[in-house]
Protein backbone atom coordinates (compact mmCIF):
# COMPACT_ATOMS: atom_id res chain seq x y z
CA MET A 1 38.54 -43.02 -41.27
CA GLU A 2 34.94 -42.74 -40.06
CA ILE A 3 32.96 -44.10 -36.96
CA ARG A 4 29.59 -45.31 -37.68
CA PRO A 5 27.11 -47.80 -36.01
CA ILE A 6 27.20 -51.43 -37.09
CA GLN A 7 25.02 -52.42 -40.08
CA ALA A 8 23.54 -55.91 -40.68
CA ASP A 9 26.02 -56.65 -43.57
CA ASP A 10 28.89 -56.03 -41.18
CA ASN A 11 28.27 -59.09 -39.00
CA ILE A 12 30.60 -61.60 -40.59
CA GLU A 13 33.54 -59.17 -41.10
CA VAL A 14 33.21 -57.97 -37.36
CA ALA A 15 33.06 -61.68 -36.07
CA ILE A 16 36.27 -62.44 -38.04
CA LEU A 17 37.97 -59.34 -36.69
CA ILE A 18 37.21 -59.96 -32.99
CA ARG A 19 38.09 -63.59 -33.13
CA SER A 20 41.45 -62.89 -34.98
CA VAL A 21 42.47 -60.15 -32.55
CA LEU A 22 41.76 -62.60 -29.62
CA ILE A 23 43.90 -65.24 -31.28
CA GLU A 24 46.65 -62.76 -31.99
CA MET A 25 46.80 -61.66 -28.39
CA GLY A 26 46.90 -65.20 -27.03
CA VAL A 27 43.55 -64.77 -25.24
CA SER A 28 41.84 -67.95 -24.21
CA LYS A 29 38.82 -68.90 -26.40
CA LYS A 30 37.11 -70.37 -23.39
CA GLY A 31 35.36 -67.89 -21.07
CA THR A 32 36.01 -64.83 -23.24
CA ALA A 33 34.16 -62.98 -26.06
CA TYR A 34 35.46 -65.50 -28.56
CA GLU A 35 32.67 -68.04 -27.56
CA ASP A 36 29.86 -65.47 -27.24
CA LYS A 37 26.84 -66.49 -29.26
CA GLU A 38 26.12 -62.93 -30.17
CA LEU A 39 29.52 -62.56 -31.83
CA ASP A 40 28.03 -63.78 -35.16
CA THR A 41 24.94 -61.41 -34.86
CA MET A 42 26.33 -58.25 -33.59
CA TYR A 43 24.07 -56.07 -35.45
CA GLU A 44 21.03 -57.78 -34.18
CA THR A 45 22.52 -57.82 -30.59
CA TYR A 46 22.77 -54.08 -30.38
CA LEU A 47 19.38 -53.09 -31.83
CA GLY A 48 18.11 -52.30 -28.26
CA LYS A 49 17.17 -48.75 -27.23
CA ARG A 50 20.01 -48.53 -24.88
CA ALA A 51 22.67 -50.31 -26.95
CA VAL A 52 25.06 -49.29 -29.66
CA TYR A 53 28.02 -50.96 -31.47
CA TYR A 54 30.24 -48.55 -33.30
CA LEU A 55 32.83 -49.44 -36.05
CA VAL A 56 35.91 -47.79 -37.20
CA ILE A 57 35.91 -47.88 -40.98
CA ASP A 58 38.53 -47.07 -43.45
CA GLY A 59 37.14 -47.16 -46.96
CA ASP A 60 35.24 -50.37 -46.93
CA LYS A 61 37.49 -52.11 -44.45
CA ILE A 62 36.40 -52.53 -40.77
CA LEU A 63 39.45 -51.78 -38.46
CA GLY A 64 37.77 -52.12 -35.16
CA GLY A 65 34.73 -51.70 -32.88
CA ALA A 66 33.29 -51.02 -29.42
CA GLY A 67 29.90 -51.22 -28.01
CA ILE A 68 27.74 -50.15 -25.00
CA SER A 69 24.82 -52.03 -23.50
CA VAL A 70 23.15 -52.78 -20.20
CA LEU A 71 25.43 -55.10 -18.17
CA LYS A 72 23.82 -58.55 -18.12
CA GLY A 73 22.68 -59.58 -14.68
CA SER A 74 22.95 -56.06 -13.17
CA THR A 75 20.81 -53.04 -12.60
CA VAL A 76 19.60 -50.85 -15.50
CA SER A 77 21.99 -48.04 -14.41
CA ILE A 78 25.16 -50.04 -15.14
CA CYS A 79 26.40 -50.46 -18.65
CA GLU A 80 29.16 -52.39 -20.16
CA LEU A 81 31.86 -51.32 -22.59
CA GLN A 82 31.92 -54.33 -24.76
CA LYS A 83 33.95 -56.04 -27.45
CA MET A 84 36.43 -53.21 -28.03
CA TYR A 85 38.95 -54.61 -30.50
CA PHE A 86 41.04 -53.15 -33.17
CA SER A 87 43.08 -54.66 -36.01
CA PRO A 88 46.87 -53.99 -35.94
CA ALA A 89 46.41 -51.44 -38.68
CA ALA A 90 44.31 -49.30 -36.27
CA ARG A 91 46.42 -49.41 -33.16
CA GLY A 92 48.47 -46.52 -31.91
CA LYS A 93 46.37 -43.86 -33.73
CA GLY A 94 44.12 -42.64 -30.82
CA LEU A 95 41.10 -44.61 -32.18
CA GLY A 96 40.60 -46.55 -28.96
CA PHE A 97 40.37 -43.17 -26.97
CA LYS A 98 37.88 -41.81 -29.54
CA MET A 99 35.71 -45.06 -29.47
CA ILE A 100 35.66 -44.99 -25.66
CA GLN A 101 34.51 -41.40 -25.53
CA LYS A 102 31.93 -42.04 -28.25
CA CYS A 103 30.64 -45.04 -26.27
CA LEU A 104 30.67 -43.18 -22.89
CA ASP A 105 28.74 -40.22 -24.50
CA PHE A 106 26.10 -42.70 -25.71
CA ALA A 107 26.02 -44.26 -22.21
CA LYS A 108 25.58 -40.87 -20.49
CA SER A 109 22.83 -39.83 -22.88
CA ASN A 110 21.06 -43.00 -22.11
CA GLN A 111 21.05 -42.46 -18.37
CA PHE A 112 23.64 -44.92 -17.33
CA SER A 113 25.43 -43.99 -14.02
CA LEU A 114 28.33 -46.47 -14.07
CA CYS A 115 30.27 -48.18 -16.84
CA TYR A 116 31.89 -51.56 -16.37
CA ILE A 117 34.56 -53.30 -18.40
CA GLU A 118 36.38 -56.59 -17.93
CA THR A 119 39.48 -57.83 -19.73
CA THR A 120 42.40 -60.29 -19.23
CA PRO A 121 45.71 -59.74 -17.67
CA ILE A 122 47.48 -60.20 -21.01
CA MET A 123 45.63 -57.11 -22.52
CA GLU A 124 47.91 -54.67 -20.72
CA SER A 125 47.75 -51.87 -23.43
CA ALA A 126 44.00 -51.93 -23.18
CA GLN A 127 44.14 -51.56 -19.38
CA ARG A 128 46.50 -48.53 -19.66
CA LEU A 129 43.94 -46.93 -22.03
CA TYR A 130 41.00 -47.61 -19.70
CA LYS A 131 43.04 -46.12 -16.76
CA LYS A 132 43.82 -43.07 -18.99
CA VAL A 133 40.06 -42.51 -19.56
CA GLY A 134 39.16 -42.79 -15.88
CA PHE A 135 38.38 -46.48 -15.23
CA ASN A 136 39.56 -47.92 -11.99
CA TYR A 137 40.22 -51.43 -10.94
CA ILE A 138 37.65 -53.15 -8.64
CA ASP A 139 38.01 -56.34 -6.66
CA LYS A 140 35.29 -58.58 -8.18
CA PRO A 141 33.26 -58.87 -11.35
CA LEU A 142 29.82 -57.25 -11.76
CA GLY A 143 26.82 -58.66 -13.53
CA ASN A 144 26.84 -61.97 -15.27
CA THR A 145 28.82 -61.82 -18.58
CA GLY A 146 29.87 -65.44 -18.74
CA HIS A 147 33.60 -64.44 -19.25
CA SER A 148 35.18 -66.59 -16.61
CA SER A 149 38.68 -66.13 -18.16
CA CYS A 150 38.42 -62.25 -17.59
CA SER A 151 39.99 -61.58 -14.14
CA ILE A 152 40.46 -57.76 -14.62
CA TRP A 153 37.41 -55.68 -13.67
CA MET A 154 37.16 -51.93 -13.89
CA THR A 155 34.47 -49.28 -13.46
CA LYS A 156 34.06 -45.61 -14.33
CA PRO A 157 31.29 -43.36 -12.81
CA LEU A 158 29.37 -41.43 -15.50
CA ALA A 159 27.99 -38.65 -13.42
């Protein structure tokens, strides 16, 4: 398996993967990444200087992904770990941990001082992973992601 940045021809497969994982997990389509406009144009969305979206690839199959970008509606020093989803075939292999580390390394090298993530209560295994890598719960959302169904908010200082 390899980890690499998203390419333009990955857009369709990535959108399908993310939406299928959200459906599998029973996450609401409303107020979550499922209805994000950029889901169908992930390559273009992450073209910014301080943004990246990585994929886990096995042969020619996309097994998962995660990205970092400036948190919408916040200061330039806060980034968001975004759209981290993995197919069932990729789970339980330590790939989530590796992806988070790769994303946080990118964030640190781009002078972000705080990383934010939001999720839903149903995504318990994701929350355990975020805690394991040093994210802590906070009482209210940061920025303006538009994810009204995400009621779990966490941050990790990057200093």
